[in-house]
Every structure is written in structure tokens, then in C-alpha cells.
PDB file of N, CA and C in Angstrom:
ATOM      1  N   MET A   1       0.852  -1.196   0.002  1.00  0.00           N
ATOM      2  CA  MET A   1       0.009  -0.072   0.019  1.00  0.00           C
ATOM      3  C   MET A   1       0.898   1.325  -0.010  1.00  0.00           C
ATOM      4  N   VAL A   2       0.601   2.153  -0.866  1.00  0.00           N
ATOM      5  CA  VAL A   2       1.348   3.453  -0.966  1.00  0.00           C
ATOM      6  C   VAL A   2       0.941   4.449   0.125  1.00  0.00           C
ATOM      7  N   ALA A   3      -0.349   4.696   0.157  1.00  0.00           N
ATOM      8  CA  ALA A   3      -0.929   5.645   1.187  1.00  0.00           C
ATOM      9  C   ALA A   3      -2.342   5.399   1.420  1.00  0.00           C
ATOM     10  N   SER A   4      -2.805   5.775   2.573  1.00  0.00           N
ATOM     11  CA  SER A   4      -4.245   5.610   2.831  1.00  0.00           C
ATOM     12  C   SER A   4      -4.700   6.795   3.740  1.00  0.00           C
ATOM     13  N   LYS A   5      -5.988   6.998   3.737  1.00  0.00           N
ATOM     14  CA  LYS A   5      -6.686   7.960   4.555  1.00  0.00           C
ATOM     15  C   LYS A   5      -6.169   9.438   4.255  1.00  0.00           C
ATOM     16  N   LEU A   6      -5.903   9.769   2.973  1.00  0.00           N
ATOM     17  CA  LEU A   6      -5.516  10.993   2.577  1.00  0.00           C
ATOM     18  C   LEU A   6      -6.761  11.882   2.509  1.00  0.00           C
ATOM     19  N   ARG A   7      -6.723  13.061   2.968  1.00  0.00           N
ATOM     20  CA  ARG A   7      -7.826  13.933   2.894  1.00  0.00           C
ATOM     21  C   ARG A   7      -7.727  14.761   1.678  1.00  0.00           C
ATOM     22  N   ILE A   8      -8.271  14.262   0.583  1.00  0.00           N
ATOM     23  CA  ILE A   8      -8.288  14.918  -0.725  1.00  0.00           C
ATOM     24  C   ILE A   8      -9.661  15.236  -1.143  1.00  0.00           C
ATOM     25  N   GLY A   9      -9.868  16.117  -2.208  1.00  0.00           N
ATOM     26  CA  GLY A   9     -11.141  16.466  -2.648  1.00  0.00           C
ATOM     27  C   GLY A   9     -11.686  17.746  -2.121  1.00  0.00           C
ATOM     28  N   GLN A  10     -12.971  17.829  -2.177  1.00  0.00           N
ATOM     29  CA  GLN A  10     -13.700  19.075  -1.717  1.00  0.00           C
ATOM     30  C   GLN A  10     -14.430  18.753  -0.483  1.00  0.00           C
ATOM     31  N   PRO A  11     -14.615  19.786   0.430  1.00  0.00           N
ATOM     32  CA  PRO A  11     -15.372  19.483   1.679  1.00  0.00           C
ATOM     33  C   PRO A  11     -16.903  19.192   1.281  1.00  0.00           C
ATOM     34  N   GLU A  12     -17.548  18.586   2.165  1.00  0.00           N
ATOM     35  CA  GLU A  12     -18.961  18.226   1.876  1.00  0.00           C
ATOM     36  C   GLU A  12     -19.801  19.460   1.885  1.00  0.00           C
ATOM     37  N   SER A  13     -20.860  19.349   1.130  1.00  0.00           N
ATOM     38  CA  SER A  13     -21.816  20.428   0.988  1.00  0.00           C
ATOM     39  C   SER A  13     -23.206  19.733   1.298  1.00  0.00           C
ATOM     40  N   ALA A  14     -23.774  20.114   2.473  1.00  0.00           N
ATOM     41  CA  ALA A  14     -25.042  19.395   2.855  1.00  0.00           C
ATOM     42  C   ALA A  14     -26.070  19.503   1.688  1.00  0.00           C
ATOM     43  N   PRO A  15     -26.794  18.533   1.446  1.00  0.00           N
ATOM     44  CA  PRO A  15     -26.917  17.226   2.031  1.00  0.00           C
ATOM     45  C   PRO A  15     -25.915  16.192   1.258  1.00  0.00           C
ATOM     46  N   PHE A  16     -24.949  16.617   0.447  1.00  0.00           N
ATOM     47  CA  PHE A  16     -24.149  15.691  -0.284  1.00  0.00           C
ATOM     48  C   PHE A  16     -22.921  15.330   0.521  1.00  0.00           C
ATOM     49  N   PRO A  17     -22.325  14.158   0.250  1.00  0.00           N
ATOM     50  CA  PRO A  17     -21.058  13.790   0.902  1.00  0.00           C
ATOM     51  C   PRO A  17     -19.866  14.387   0.217  1.00  0.00           C
ATOM     52  N   PRO A  18     -18.703  14.385   0.837  1.00  0.00           N
ATOM     53  CA  PRO A  18     -17.484  14.976   0.164  1.00  0.00           C
ATOM     54  C   PRO A  18     -17.188  14.283  -1.220  1.00  0.00           C
ATOM     55  N   GLY A  19     -16.600  15.037  -2.122  1.00  0.00           N
ATOM     56  CA  GLY A  19     -16.385  14.487  -3.457  1.00  0.00           C
ATOM     57  C   GLY A  19     -15.223  13.556  -3.490  1.00  0.00           C
ATOM     58  N   TYR A  20     -14.126  13.789  -2.675  1.00  0.00           N
ATOM     59  CA  TYR A  20     -12.906  12.995  -2.660  1.00  0.00           C
ATOM     60  C   TYR A  20     -12.307  12.876  -4.108  1.00  0.00           C
ATOM     61  N   LEU A  21     -12.331  13.972  -4.807  1.00  0.00           N
ATOM     62  CA  LEU A  21     -11.669  14.021  -6.096  1.00  0.00           C
ATOM     63  C   LEU A  21     -10.489  14.944  -6.055  1.00  0.00           C
ATOM     64  N   PRO A  22      -9.282  14.447  -6.356  1.00  0.00           N
ATOM     65  CA  PRO A  22      -8.139  15.316  -6.368  1.00  0.00           C
ATOM     66  C   PRO A  22      -8.241  16.399  -7.507  1.00  0.00           C
ATOM     67  N   THR A  23      -7.870  17.649  -7.229  1.00  0.00           N
ATOM     68  CA  THR A  23      -7.924  18.600  -8.259  1.00  0.00           C
ATOM     69  C   THR A  23      -6.589  18.746  -9.052  1.00  0.00           C
ATOM     70  N   GLY A  24      -5.544  18.170  -8.590  1.00  0.00           N
ATOM     71  CA  GLY A  24      -4.303  18.159  -9.259  1.00  0.00           C
ATOM     72  C   GLY A  24      -3.437  16.978  -8.977  1.00  0.00           C
ATOM     73  N   VAL A  25      -3.020  16.382 -10.186  1.00  0.00           N
ATOM     74  CA  VAL A  25      -2.142  15.194 -10.075  1.00  0.00           C
ATOM     75  C   VAL A  25      -1.045  15.401 -11.119  1.00  0.00           C
ATOM     76  N   ALA A  26       0.153  15.226 -10.744  1.00  0.00           N
ATOM     77  CA  ALA A  26       1.275  15.319 -11.750  1.00  0.00           C
ATOM     78  C   ALA A  26       2.324  14.201 -11.430  1.00  0.00           C
ATOM     79  N   VAL A  27       2.945  13.824 -12.525  1.00  0.00           N
ATOM     80  CA  VAL A  27       3.962  12.761 -12.382  1.00  0.00           C
ATOM     81  C   VAL A  27       5.286  13.316 -12.996  1.00  0.00           C
ATOM     82  N   GLY A  28       6.365  13.307 -12.272  1.00  0.00           N
ATOM     83  CA  GLY A  28       7.706  13.770 -12.776  1.00  0.00           C
ATOM     84  C   GLY A  28       8.394  12.727 -13.508  1.00  0.00           C
ATOM     85  N   ARG A  29       9.457  13.112 -14.153  1.00  0.00           N
ATOM     86  CA  ARG A  29      10.195  12.215 -14.935  1.00  0.00           C
ATOM     87  C   ARG A  29      10.795  11.016 -14.192  1.00  0.00           C
ATOM     88  N   SER A  30      11.052  11.247 -12.896  1.00  0.00           N
ATOM     89  CA  SER A  30      11.618  10.177 -12.042  1.00  0.00           C
ATOM     90  C   SER A  30      10.556   9.157 -11.575  1.00  0.00           C
ATOM     91  N   GLY A  31       9.299   9.552 -11.805  1.00  0.00           N
ATOM     92  CA  GLY A  31       8.191   8.678 -11.398  1.00  0.00           C
ATOM     93  C   GLY A  31       7.565   9.181 -10.077  1.00  0.00           C
ATOM     94  N   THR A  32       8.099  10.252  -9.610  1.00  0.00           N
ATOM     95  CA  THR A  32       7.462  10.921  -8.383  1.00  0.00           C
ATOM     96  C   THR A  32       6.093  11.455  -8.717  1.00  0.00           C
ATOM     97  N   VAL A  33       5.110  11.075  -7.871  1.00  0.00           N
ATOM     98  CA  VAL A  33       3.706  11.524  -8.094  1.00  0.00           C
ATOM     99  C   VAL A  33       3.413  12.725  -7.091  1.00  0.00           C
ATOM    100  N   TYR A  34       2.834  13.741  -7.558  1.00  0.00           N
ATOM    101  CA  TYR A  34       2.412  14.888  -6.721  1.00  0.00           C
ATOM    102  C   TYR A  34       0.910  14.927  -6.792  1.00  0.00           C
ATOM    103  N   LEU A  35       0.247  15.159  -5.618  1.00  0.00           N
ATOM    104  CA  LEU A  35      -1.126  15.115  -5.510  1.00  0.00           C
ATOM    105  C   LEU A  35      -1.573  16.295  -4.530  1.00  0.00           C
ATOM    106  N   THR A  36      -2.496  17.155  -4.944  1.00  0.00           N
ATOM    107  CA  THR A  36      -3.034  18.212  -4.116  1.00  0.00           C
ATOM    108  C   THR A  36      -4.172  17.805  -3.285  1.00  0.00           C
ATOM    109  N   SER A  37      -4.338  18.473  -2.132  1.00  0.00           N
ATOM    110  CA  SER A  37      -5.408  18.277  -1.196  1.00  0.00           C
ATOM    111  C   SER A  37      -6.170  19.524  -1.023  1.00  0.00           C
ATOM    112  N   ASP A  38      -7.429  19.635  -1.464  1.00  0.00           N
ATOM    113  CA  ASP A  38      -8.245  20.804  -1.214  1.00  0.00           C
ATOM    114  C   ASP A  38      -8.563  21.021   0.191  1.00  0.00           C
ATOM    115  N   ILE A  39      -8.867  19.849   0.892  1.00  0.00           N
ATOM    116  CA  ILE A  39      -9.339  19.960   2.254  1.00  0.00           C
ATOM    117  C   ILE A  39      -8.300  20.404   3.294  1.00  0.00           C
ATOM    118  N   GLU A  40      -7.069  20.016   3.033  1.00  0.00           N
ATOM    119  CA  GLU A  40      -5.981  20.390   3.986  1.00  0.00           C
ATOM    120  C   GLU A  40      -5.013  21.457   3.364  1.00  0.00           C
ATOM    121  N   SER A  41      -5.356  21.902   2.189  1.00  0.00           N
ATOM    122  CA  SER A  41      -4.412  22.851   1.464  1.00  0.00           C
ATOM    123  C   SER A  41      -3.021  22.321   1.536  1.00  0.00           C
ATOM    124  N   ALA A  42      -2.759  21.021   1.061  1.00  0.00           N
ATOM    125  CA  ALA A  42      -1.552  20.393   1.096  1.00  0.00           C
ATOM    126  C   ALA A  42      -1.111  19.813  -0.264  1.00  0.00           C
ATOM    127  N   LEU A  43       0.163  19.574  -0.305  1.00  0.00           N
ATOM    128  CA  LEU A  43       0.676  18.953  -1.495  1.00  0.00           C
ATOM    129  C   LEU A  43       1.409  17.643  -1.061  1.00  0.00           C
ATOM    130  N   TYR A  44       0.935  16.509  -1.577  1.00  0.00           N
ATOM    131  CA  TYR A  44       1.543  15.218  -1.139  1.00  0.00           C
ATOM    132  C   TYR A  44       2.497  14.829  -2.284  1.00  0.00           C
ATOM    133  N   ARG A  45       3.599  14.246  -1.882  1.00  0.00           N
ATOM    134  CA  ARG A  45       4.642  13.759  -2.778  1.00  0.00           C
ATOM    135  C   ARG A  45       4.956  12.284  -2.602  1.00  0.00           C
ATOM    136  N   PHE A  46       4.866  11.458  -3.545  1.00  0.00           N
ATOM    137  CA  PHE A  46       5.116  10.027  -3.505  1.00  0.00           C
ATOM    138  C   PHE A  46       6.360   9.750  -4.362  1.00  0.00           C
ATOM    139  N   VAL A  47       7.380   9.235  -3.744  1.00  0.00           N
ATOM    140  CA  VAL A  47       8.607   8.941  -4.396  1.00  0.00           C
ATOM    141  C   VAL A  47       8.773   7.494  -4.578  1.00  0.00           C
ATOM    142  N   PRO A  48       8.987   7.011  -5.805  1.00  0.00           N
ATOM    143  CA  PRO A  48       9.220   5.503  -5.976  1.00  0.00           C
ATOM    144  C   PRO A  48      10.445   5.035  -5.286  1.00  0.00           C
ATOM    145  N   GLU A  49      10.325   3.788  -4.737  1.00  0.00           N
ATOM    146  CA  GLU A  49      11.555   3.150  -4.091  1.00  0.00           C
ATOM    147  C   GLU A  49      12.600   2.827  -5.244  1.00  0.00           C
ATOM    148  N   PRO A  50      13.856   3.022  -4.896  1.00  0.00           N
ATOM    149  CA  PRO A  50      14.859   2.642  -5.885  1.00  0.00           C
ATOM    150  C   PRO A  50      14.939   1.119  -6.170  1.00  0.00           C
TER     151      PRO A  50
END
């Protein structure tokens, strides 16, 4: 497993549940994956193991 329970997507808007859709995903030449989080205003970085 790479990651779990990341707070990504948009906050819920009553009566609908949260969307959980990332608004930004990018992959670098090295295979590093970058993912944005609207809920936490964060940027996650996943680096492949050598």
C-alpha cells in the first residue's frame, strides 16, 4: 500500500457527501507523483523506491 486516509477532494456540502476528487495530479520524470489536497491545502509527494 502506498498511502491511505489522505484527505483529498472538496469538503462536503449538505446534504451531499464529500467529493474526494483530487484537483491536481502530476507525475515527474523520475516517477514521483504529486497530489494536491483541497481539504488540507496540502501537496503530497510520493517517491518511488529505488
